[in-house]
Amino acid sequence: MRVVSLVPSLTEAVARSAPGSLVGATDWCTHPPGLDVVRVGGTKNPATDRILSLAPDLVIANEEENRAPDLAALRAAGAEVLVTEIRDLPQAFRELARVLDACGVASRPRWLDEAEQTWSSLPEPGPRRTAVVPVWRRPWMVLGRDTFAGDVLARLGVDHVHAKHPDRYPRVPLEDLRACAPDVVVLPDEPYRFTADDGPEAFPGLPCALVSGRHLTWYGPSLAEAPRVLGGALRAARP
């Protein structure tokens, strides 16, 4: 089986579960560390000719991370493309199982069972908190409706204030974000790389949690440790 992955979290899942099957991945596919495959460009601008030159049996993609015209071009050239849709945690587990089955994984990997068990056995969260969750700045963009990351946070007791916005990733002026007066501002390190020196200063007086984007937005082996990692970062939030 020859697989090209255009989704970083699915790259990690396939590499862990079907060693040797991956022949290509995007430049953003950083896990597992040391992955030695042909790089095929970004998630939004993959080099379709390079992908096709690898003669893949399957290209795995995601309806949010990858552009429909690129996937259509691959299909038109004869490639089989599996497109995932993941808006919440249960859907993530179902789609991961579907991807691994399509990649020829004969038995359910242990990490997937461990991840499901971890999330299903979470204790009830304490008092719920509200959050603003920027994912970009210049312009400021935040989590909106119907997002995987929003569902992850909700299961950890954090309700983001734009969850019912008409857009999934709305642009919201900074002054409006401040005016929401959330209990915490959640700043992931991807897609925009918020850091202690780049992000918290925009929200004076508000507790800010710097969190791992991989644990907040990736659906793969990182799910097993995500509650612990994210929970620690949320508890450490400081103004």
C-alpha atoms as a PDB file:
ATOM      1  CA  MET A   1       0.000   0.000   0.000  1.00  0.00           C
ATOM      2  CA  ARG A   2       1.373   3.410  -1.026  1.00  0.00           C
ATOM      3  CA  VAL A   3      -0.233   6.318   0.839  1.00  0.00           C
ATOM      4  CA  VAL A   4       0.175  10.084   0.555  1.00  0.00           C
ATOM      5  CA  SER A   5      -1.214  12.120   3.453  1.00  0.00           C
ATOM      6  CA  LEU A   6      -2.205  15.763   3.120  1.00  0.00           C
ATOM      7  CA  VAL A   7      -3.236  16.078   6.789  1.00  0.00           C
ATOM      8  CA  PRO A   8      -0.577  16.285   9.545  1.00  0.00           C
ATOM      9  CA  SER A   9      -2.584  14.481  12.215  1.00  0.00           C
ATOM     10  CA  LEU A  10      -3.569  11.697   9.801  1.00  0.00           C
ATOM     11  CA  THR A  11       0.059  11.408   8.743  1.00  0.00           C
ATOM     12  CA  GLU A  12       0.984  10.644  12.343  1.00  0.00           C
ATOM     13  CA  ALA A  13      -1.869   8.158  12.690  1.00  0.00           C
ATOM     14  CA  VAL A  14      -0.931   6.235   9.538  1.00  0.00           C
ATOM     15  CA  ALA A  15       2.798   6.288  10.290  1.00  0.00           C
ATOM     16  CA  ARG A  16       2.140   4.822  13.733  1.00  0.00           C
ATOM     17  CA  SER A  17      -0.362   2.219  12.548  1.00  0.00           C
ATOM     18  CA  ALA A  18       0.894   1.174   9.107  1.00  0.00           C
ATOM     19  CA  PRO A  19       4.696   1.570   9.149  1.00  0.00           C
ATOM     20  CA  GLY A  20       6.175   1.806   5.673  1.00  0.00           C
ATOM     21  CA  SER A  21       2.953   2.639   3.869  1.00  0.00           C
ATOM     22  CA  LEU A  22       3.463   6.408   3.732  1.00  0.00           C
ATOM     23  CA  VAL A  23       5.399   7.572   0.676  1.00  0.00           C
ATOM     24  CA  GLY A  24       4.481  11.269   0.796  1.00  0.00           C
ATOM     25  CA  ALA A  25       3.321  13.920   3.244  1.00  0.00           C
ATOM     26  CA  THR A  26       3.040  17.690   3.479  1.00  0.00           C
ATOM     27  CA  ASP A  27       5.736  20.047   4.688  1.00  0.00           C
ATOM     28  CA  TRP A  28       3.642  20.565   7.838  1.00  0.00           C
ATOM     29  CA  CYS A  29       3.620  16.872   8.773  1.00  0.00           C
ATOM     30  CA  THR A  30       6.020  17.052  11.732  1.00  0.00           C
ATOM     31  CA  HIS A  31       5.063  13.836  13.525  1.00  0.00           C
ATOM     32  CA  PRO A  32       6.311  11.288  14.079  1.00  0.00           C
ATOM     33  CA  PRO A  33       9.706  13.040  14.374  1.00  0.00           C
ATOM     34  CA  GLY A  34      12.164  11.917  11.740  1.00  0.00           C
ATOM     35  CA  LEU A  35       9.497  10.859   9.255  1.00  0.00           C
ATOM     36  CA  ASP A  36      11.394  10.129   6.049  1.00  0.00           C
ATOM     37  CA  VAL A  37       9.019  10.518   3.101  1.00  0.00           C
ATOM     38  CA  VAL A  38       8.766  12.739   0.044  1.00  0.00           C
ATOM     39  CA  ARG A  39       7.408  16.169   0.919  1.00  0.00           C
ATOM     40  CA  VAL A  40       4.640  17.338  -1.381  1.00  0.00           C
ATOM     41  CA  GLY A  41       4.125  20.981  -0.370  1.00  0.00           C
ATOM     42  CA  GLY A  42       1.595  22.528   1.990  1.00  0.00           C
ATOM     43  CA  THR A  43      -1.901  21.478   2.943  1.00  0.00           C
ATOM     44  CA  LYS A  44      -3.356  24.385   0.953  1.00  0.00           C
ATOM     45  CA  ASN A  45      -0.941  24.219  -1.975  1.00  0.00           C
ATOM     46  CA  PRO A  46       0.186  20.623  -2.533  1.00  0.00           C
ATOM     47  CA  ALA A  47       2.258  19.815  -5.593  1.00  0.00           C
ATOM     48  CA  THR A  48      -0.182  17.543  -7.403  1.00  0.00           C
ATOM     49  CA  ASP A  49       2.383  16.486 -10.004  1.00  0.00           C
ATOM     50  CA  ARG A  50       4.751  15.367  -7.245  1.00  0.00           C
ATOM     51  CA  ILE A  51       1.950  13.460  -5.536  1.00  0.00           C
ATOM     52  CA  LEU A  52       1.015  11.672  -8.744  1.00  0.00           C
ATOM     53  CA  SER A  53       4.660  10.816  -9.459  1.00  0.00           C
ATOM     54  CA  LEU A  54       4.649   8.757  -6.256  1.00  0.00           C
ATOM     55  CA  ALA A  55       1.951   6.486  -7.765  1.00  0.00           C
ATOM     56  CA  PRO A  56      -0.102   6.391  -4.557  1.00  0.00           C
ATOM     57  CA  ASP A  57      -2.781   3.786  -3.992  1.00  0.00           C
ATOM     58  CA  LEU A  58      -4.524   6.291  -1.740  1.00  0.00           C
ATOM     59  CA  VAL A  59      -4.361  10.004  -0.940  1.00  0.00           C
ATOM     60  CA  ILE A  60      -5.890  10.974   2.399  1.00  0.00           C
ATOM     61  CA  ALA A  61      -7.246  14.472   2.897  1.00  0.00           C
ATOM     62  CA  ASN A  62      -9.626  16.563   4.990  1.00  0.00           C
ATOM     63  CA  GLU A  63     -12.456  18.792   3.821  1.00  0.00           C
ATOM     64  CA  GLU A  64     -11.281  21.669   6.016  1.00  0.00           C
ATOM     65  CA  GLU A  65      -7.514  21.464   5.672  1.00  0.00           C
ATOM     66  CA  ASN A  66      -7.319  20.795   1.933  1.00  0.00           C
ATOM     67  CA  ARG A  67      -8.792  22.647  -1.038  1.00  0.00           C
ATOM     68  CA  ALA A  68     -11.445  21.010  -3.180  1.00  0.00           C
ATOM     69  CA  PRO A  69      -9.793  22.021  -6.518  1.00  0.00           C
ATOM     70  CA  ASP A  70      -6.554  20.239  -5.550  1.00  0.00           C
ATOM     71  CA  LEU A  71      -8.436  17.080  -4.611  1.00  0.00           C
ATOM     72  CA  ALA A  72     -10.482  17.248  -7.801  1.00  0.00           C
ATOM     73  CA  ALA A  73      -7.274  17.526  -9.850  1.00  0.00           C
ATOM     74  CA  LEU A  74      -5.877  14.427  -8.175  1.00  0.00           C
ATOM     75  CA  ARG A  75      -9.063  12.484  -8.845  1.00  0.00           C
ATOM     76  CA  ALA A  76      -9.139  13.649 -12.456  1.00  0.00           C
ATOM     77  CA  ALA A  77      -5.629  12.252 -12.873  1.00  0.00           C
ATOM     78  CA  GLY A  78      -6.773   8.871 -11.574  1.00  0.00           C
ATOM     79  CA  ALA A  79      -5.768   9.023  -7.914  1.00  0.00           C
ATOM     80  CA  GLU A  80      -8.051   7.588  -5.238  1.00  0.00           C
ATOM     81  CA  VAL A  81      -8.726  10.292  -2.652  1.00  0.00           C
ATOM     82  CA  LEU A  82     -10.296   9.691   0.741  1.00  0.00           C
ATOM     83  CA  VAL A  83     -11.651  12.899   2.280  1.00  0.00           C
ATOM     84  CA  THR A  84     -12.377  13.051   5.986  1.00  0.00           C
ATOM     85  CA  GLU A  85     -14.788  15.367   7.789  1.00  0.00           C
ATOM     86  CA  ILE A  86     -14.129  15.911  11.493  1.00  0.00           C
ATOM     87  CA  ARG A  87     -16.147  18.384  13.537  1.00  0.00           C
ATOM     88  CA  ASP A  88     -16.150  16.705  16.961  1.00  0.00           C
ATOM     89  CA  LEU A  89     -14.436  13.989  18.970  1.00  0.00           C
ATOM     90  CA  PRO A  90     -16.792  11.049  18.210  1.00  0.00           C
ATOM     91  CA  GLN A  91     -16.525  11.828  14.500  1.00  0.00           C
ATOM     92  CA  ALA A  92     -12.730  11.936  14.833  1.00  0.00           C
ATOM     93  CA  PHE A  93     -12.643   8.409  16.211  1.00  0.00           C
ATOM     94  CA  ARG A  94     -14.949   7.137  13.461  1.00  0.00           C
ATOM     95  CA  GLU A  95     -12.952   8.801  10.710  1.00  0.00           C
ATOM     96  CA  LEU A  96      -9.629   7.597  12.116  1.00  0.00           C
ATOM     97  CA  ALA A  97     -10.930   4.031  12.023  1.00  0.00           C
ATOM     98  CA  ARG A  98     -12.108   4.546   8.430  1.00  0.00           C
ATOM     99  CA  VAL A  99      -8.752   5.953   7.320  1.00  0.00           C
ATOM    100  CA  LEU A 100      -6.756   3.159   8.925  1.00  0.00           C
ATOM    101  CA  ASP A 101      -9.034   0.537   7.414  1.00  0.00           C
ATOM    102  CA  ALA A 102      -8.570   2.126   3.976  1.00  0.00           C
ATOM    103  CA  CYS A 103      -4.793   2.032   4.524  1.00  0.00           C
ATOM    104  CA  GLY A 104      -4.949  -1.721   5.076  1.00  0.00           C
ATOM    105  CA  VAL A 105      -4.430  -1.745   8.851  1.00  0.00           C
ATOM    106  CA  ALA A 106      -5.628  -5.223   9.801  1.00  0.00           C
ATOM    107  CA  SER A 107      -6.356  -4.676  13.488  1.00  0.00           C
ATOM    108  CA  ARG A 108      -7.372  -1.664  15.528  1.00  0.00           C
ATOM    109  CA  PRO A 109      -4.222   0.009  16.910  1.00  0.00           C
ATOM    110  CA  ARG A 110      -3.732   0.188  20.657  1.00  0.00           C
ATOM    111  CA  TRP A 111      -3.275   3.969  20.636  1.00  0.00           C
ATOM    112  CA  LEU A 112      -6.760   4.432  19.229  1.00  0.00           C
ATOM    113  CA  ASP A 113      -8.310   2.303  21.983  1.00  0.00           C
ATOM    114  CA  GLU A 114      -6.283   4.181  24.594  1.00  0.00           C
ATOM    115  CA  ALA A 115      -7.392   7.538  23.212  1.00  0.00           C
ATOM    116  CA  GLU A 116     -11.062   6.584  23.235  1.00  0.00           C
ATOM    117  CA  GLN A 117     -10.770   5.183  26.750  1.00  0.00           C
ATOM    118  CA  THR A 118      -9.025   8.336  27.964  1.00  0.00           C
ATOM    119  CA  TRP A 119     -11.785  10.595  26.714  1.00  0.00           C
ATOM    120  CA  SER A 120     -14.678   8.353  27.728  1.00  0.00           C
ATOM    121  CA  SER A 121     -13.404   8.101  31.309  1.00  0.00           C
ATOM    122  CA  LEU A 122     -12.805  11.807  31.922  1.00  0.00           C
ATOM    123  CA  PRO A 123     -14.232  13.029  35.239  1.00  0.00           C
ATOM    124  CA  GLU A 124     -16.894  15.692  35.139  1.00  0.00           C
ATOM    125  CA  PRO A 125     -15.170  19.071  34.778  1.00  0.00           C
ATOM    126  CA  GLY A 126     -15.428  21.567  37.597  1.00  0.00           C
ATOM    127  CA  PRO A 127     -17.097  24.962  37.194  1.00  0.00           C
ATOM    128  CA  ARG A 128     -17.323  25.772  33.515  1.00  0.00           C
ATOM    129  CA  ARG A 129     -15.305  28.645  32.087  1.00  0.00           C
ATOM    130  CA  THR A 130     -15.811  30.832  29.044  1.00  0.00           C
ATOM    131  CA  ALA A 131     -13.036  31.400  26.529  1.00  0.00           C
ATOM    132  CA  VAL A 132     -12.018  33.333  23.467  1.00  0.00           C
ATOM    133  CA  VAL A 133      -9.856  31.150  21.214  1.00  0.00           C
ATOM    134  CA  PRO A 134      -7.840  33.074  18.605  1.00  0.00           C
ATOM    135  CA  VAL A 135      -6.319  31.016  15.809  1.00  0.00           C
ATOM    136  CA  TRP A 136      -4.810  33.931  13.860  1.00  0.00           C
ATOM    137  CA  ARG A 137      -3.915  37.572  14.206  1.00  0.00           C
ATOM    138  CA  ARG A 138      -3.533  40.327  11.573  1.00  0.00           C
ATOM    139  CA  PRO A 139      -6.476  39.934  11.222  1.00  0.00           C
ATOM    140  CA  TRP A 140      -7.747  38.376  14.419  1.00  0.00           C
ATOM    141  CA  MET A 141      -9.663  35.160  13.792  1.00  0.00           C
ATOM    142  CA  VAL A 142     -11.197  32.867  16.400  1.00  0.00           C
ATOM    143  CA  LEU A 143     -12.897  29.523  16.738  1.00  0.00           C
ATOM    144  CA  GLY A 144     -16.545  29.791  15.710  1.00  0.00           C
ATOM    145  CA  ARG A 145     -19.273  27.226  15.270  1.00  0.00           C
ATOM    146  CA  ASP A 146     -18.917  23.515  14.735  1.00  0.00           C
ATOM    147  CA  THR A 147     -15.173  22.943  15.225  1.00  0.00           C
ATOM    148  CA  PHE A 148     -13.229  19.954  16.500  1.00  0.00           C
ATOM    149  CA  ALA A 149     -11.128  22.172  18.780  1.00  0.00           C
ATOM    150  CA  GLY A 150     -14.257  23.728  20.238  1.00  0.00           C
ATOM    151  CA  ASP A 151     -15.648  20.292  21.062  1.00  0.00           C
ATOM    152  CA  VAL A 152     -12.353  19.284  22.703  1.00  0.00           C
ATOM    153  CA  LEU A 153     -12.419  22.365  24.917  1.00  0.00           C
ATOM    154  CA  ALA A 154     -16.077  21.873  25.814  1.00  0.00           C
ATOM    155  CA  ARG A 155     -15.297  18.367  27.085  1.00  0.00           C
ATOM    156  CA  LEU A 156     -12.664  19.923  29.337  1.00  0.00           C
ATOM    157  CA  GLY A 157     -15.122  22.402  30.815  1.00  0.00           C
ATOM    158  CA  VAL A 158     -14.308  25.398  28.591  1.00  0.00           C
ATOM    159  CA  ASP A 159     -17.051  26.967  26.449  1.00  0.00           C
ATOM    160  CA  HIS A 160     -15.796  29.345  23.797  1.00  0.00           C
ATOM    161  CA  VAL A 161     -17.935  32.416  23.371  1.00  0.00           C
ATOM    162  CA  HIS A 162     -18.182  32.306  19.554  1.00  0.00           C
ATOM    163  CA  ALA A 163     -19.506  28.735  19.402  1.00  0.00           C
ATOM    164  CA  LYS A 164     -22.788  29.901  17.840  1.00  0.00           C
ATOM    165  CA  HIS A 165     -21.272  32.381  15.397  1.00  0.00           C
ATOM    166  CA  PRO A 166     -22.515  31.877  11.816  1.00  0.00           C
ATOM    167  CA  ASP A 167     -18.924  31.378  10.620  1.00  0.00           C
ATOM    168  CA  ARG A 168     -16.612  28.579  11.665  1.00  0.00           C
ATOM    169  CA  TYR A 169     -13.563  30.857  11.889  1.00  0.00           C
ATOM    170  CA  PRO A 170     -14.887  34.405  12.112  1.00  0.00           C
ATOM    171  CA  ARG A 171     -12.815  37.546  11.944  1.00  0.00           C
ATOM    172  CA  VAL A 172     -13.480  39.564  15.080  1.00  0.00           C
ATOM    173  CA  PRO A 173     -11.886  42.929  15.920  1.00  0.00           C
ATOM    174  CA  LEU A 174      -9.571  42.810  18.907  1.00  0.00           C
ATOM    175  CA  GLU A 175     -11.627  45.319  20.867  1.00  0.00           C
ATOM    176  CA  ASP A 176     -14.660  43.040  20.510  1.00  0.00           C
ATOM    177  CA  LEU A 177     -12.660  40.045  21.735  1.00  0.00           C
ATOM    178  CA  ARG A 178     -11.580  41.995  24.798  1.00  0.00           C
ATOM    179  CA  ALA A 179     -15.139  43.160  25.411  1.00  0.00           C
ATOM    180  CA  CYS A 180     -16.282  39.528  25.688  1.00  0.00           C
ATOM    181  CA  ALA A 181     -14.447  39.470  29.045  1.00  0.00           C
ATOM    182  CA  PRO A 182     -13.901  35.678  28.934  1.00  0.00           C
ATOM    183  CA  ASP A 183     -12.647  33.701  31.900  1.00  0.00           C
ATOM    184  CA  VAL A 184      -9.627  32.702  29.808  1.00  0.00           C
ATOM    185  CA  VAL A 185      -8.055  33.411  26.433  1.00  0.00           C
ATOM    186  CA  VAL A 186      -6.806  30.187  24.846  1.00  0.00           C
ATOM    187  CA  LEU A 187      -3.795  30.760  22.571  1.00  0.00           C
ATOM    188  CA  PRO A 188      -2.633  27.700  20.578  1.00  0.00           C
ATOM    189  CA  ASP A 189       0.743  27.531  18.851  1.00  0.00           C
ATOM    190  CA  GLU A 190      -0.838  26.676  15.490  1.00  0.00           C
ATOM    191  CA  PRO A 191      -1.965  27.623  12.922  1.00  0.00           C
ATOM    192  CA  TYR A 192      -0.684  30.968  14.233  1.00  0.00           C
ATOM    193  CA  ARG A 193       2.226  30.455  16.582  1.00  0.00           C
ATOM    194  CA  PHE A 194       1.154  32.347  19.693  1.00  0.00           C
ATOM    195  CA  THR A 195       3.877  32.548  22.326  1.00  0.00           C
ATOM    196  CA  ALA A 196       4.408  34.195  25.706  1.00  0.00           C
ATOM    197  CA  ASP A 197       5.712  37.248  23.823  1.00  0.00           C
ATOM    198  CA  ASP A 198       3.198  37.241  20.989  1.00  0.00           C
ATOM    199  CA  GLY A 199      -0.464  37.137  21.982  1.00  0.00           C
ATOM    200  CA  PRO A 200      -1.025  37.632  25.728  1.00  0.00           C
ATOM    201  CA  GLU A 201      -0.047  41.304  25.532  1.00  0.00           C
ATOM    202  CA  ALA A 202      -3.168  41.898  23.414  1.00  0.00           C
ATOM    203  CA  PHE A 203      -5.408  40.870  26.318  1.00  0.00           C
ATOM    204  CA  PRO A 204      -4.250  42.874  29.331  1.00  0.00           C
ATOM    205  CA  GLY A 205      -5.787  41.736  32.593  1.00  0.00           C
ATOM    206  CA  LEU A 206      -7.228  38.527  31.121  1.00  0.00           C
ATOM    207  CA  PRO A 207      -5.836  35.072  31.993  1.00  0.00           C
ATOM    208  CA  CYS A 208      -4.147  33.560  28.944  1.00  0.00           C
ATOM    209  CA  ALA A 209      -3.459  29.859  28.412  1.00  0.00           C
ATOM    210  CA  LEU A 210      -0.720  28.987  25.915  1.00  0.00           C
ATOM    211  CA  VAL A 211      -1.674  25.553  24.602  1.00  0.00           C
ATOM    212  CA  SER A 212      -0.281  22.977  22.203  1.00  0.00           C
ATOM    213  CA  GLY A 213      -2.016  23.214  18.850  1.00  0.00           C
ATOM    214  CA  ARG A 214      -1.214  19.572  18.216  1.00  0.00           C
ATOM    215  CA  HIS A 215      -3.175  18.544  21.301  1.00  0.00           C
ATOM    216  CA  LEU A 216      -6.029  20.953  20.624  1.00  0.00           C
ATOM    217  CA  THR A 217      -6.566  20.480  16.884  1.00  0.00           C
ATOM    218  CA  TRP A 218      -4.979  17.178  15.837  1.00  0.00           C
ATOM    219  CA  TYR A 219      -6.942  13.929  15.693  1.00  0.00           C
ATOM    220  CA  GLY A 220      -4.499  11.058  16.003  1.00  0.00           C
ATOM    221  CA  PRO A 221      -2.179   9.485  18.579  1.00  0.00           C
ATOM    222  CA  SER A 222      -1.904  12.816  20.432  1.00  0.00           C
ATOM    223  CA  LEU A 223      -5.544  12.405  21.512  1.00  0.00           C
ATOM    224  CA  ALA A 224      -4.502   9.959  24.223  1.00  0.00           C
ATOM    225  CA  GLU A 225      -2.533  12.610  26.103  1.00  0.00           C
ATOM    226  CA  ALA A 226      -4.499  15.672  25.051  1.00  0.00           C
ATOM    227  CA  PRO A 227      -6.726  15.937  28.166  1.00  0.00           C
ATOM    228  CA  ARG A 228      -3.710  15.902  30.475  1.00  0.00           C
ATOM    229  CA  VAL A 229      -1.628  18.314  28.385  1.00  0.00           C
ATOM    230  CA  LEU A 230      -4.452  20.751  27.689  1.00  0.00           C
ATOM    231  CA  GLY A 231      -5.787  20.539  31.223  1.00  0.00           C
ATOM    232  CA  GLY A 232      -2.384  21.481  32.613  1.00  0.00           C
ATOM    233  CA  ALA A 233      -2.075  24.450  30.265  1.00  0.00           C
ATOM    234  CA  LEU A 234      -5.575  25.686  31.083  1.00  0.00           C
ATOM    235  CA  ARG A 235      -4.911  25.464  34.823  1.00  0.00           C
ATOM    236  CA  ALA A 236      -1.704  27.438  34.353  1.00  0.00           C
ATOM    237  CA  ALA A 237      -3.477  30.376  32.689  1.00  0.00           C
ATOM    238  CA  ARG A 238      -2.248  33.705  34.039  1.00  0.00           C
ATOM    239  CA  PRO A 239      -3.133  37.356  33.290  1.00  0.00           C
END
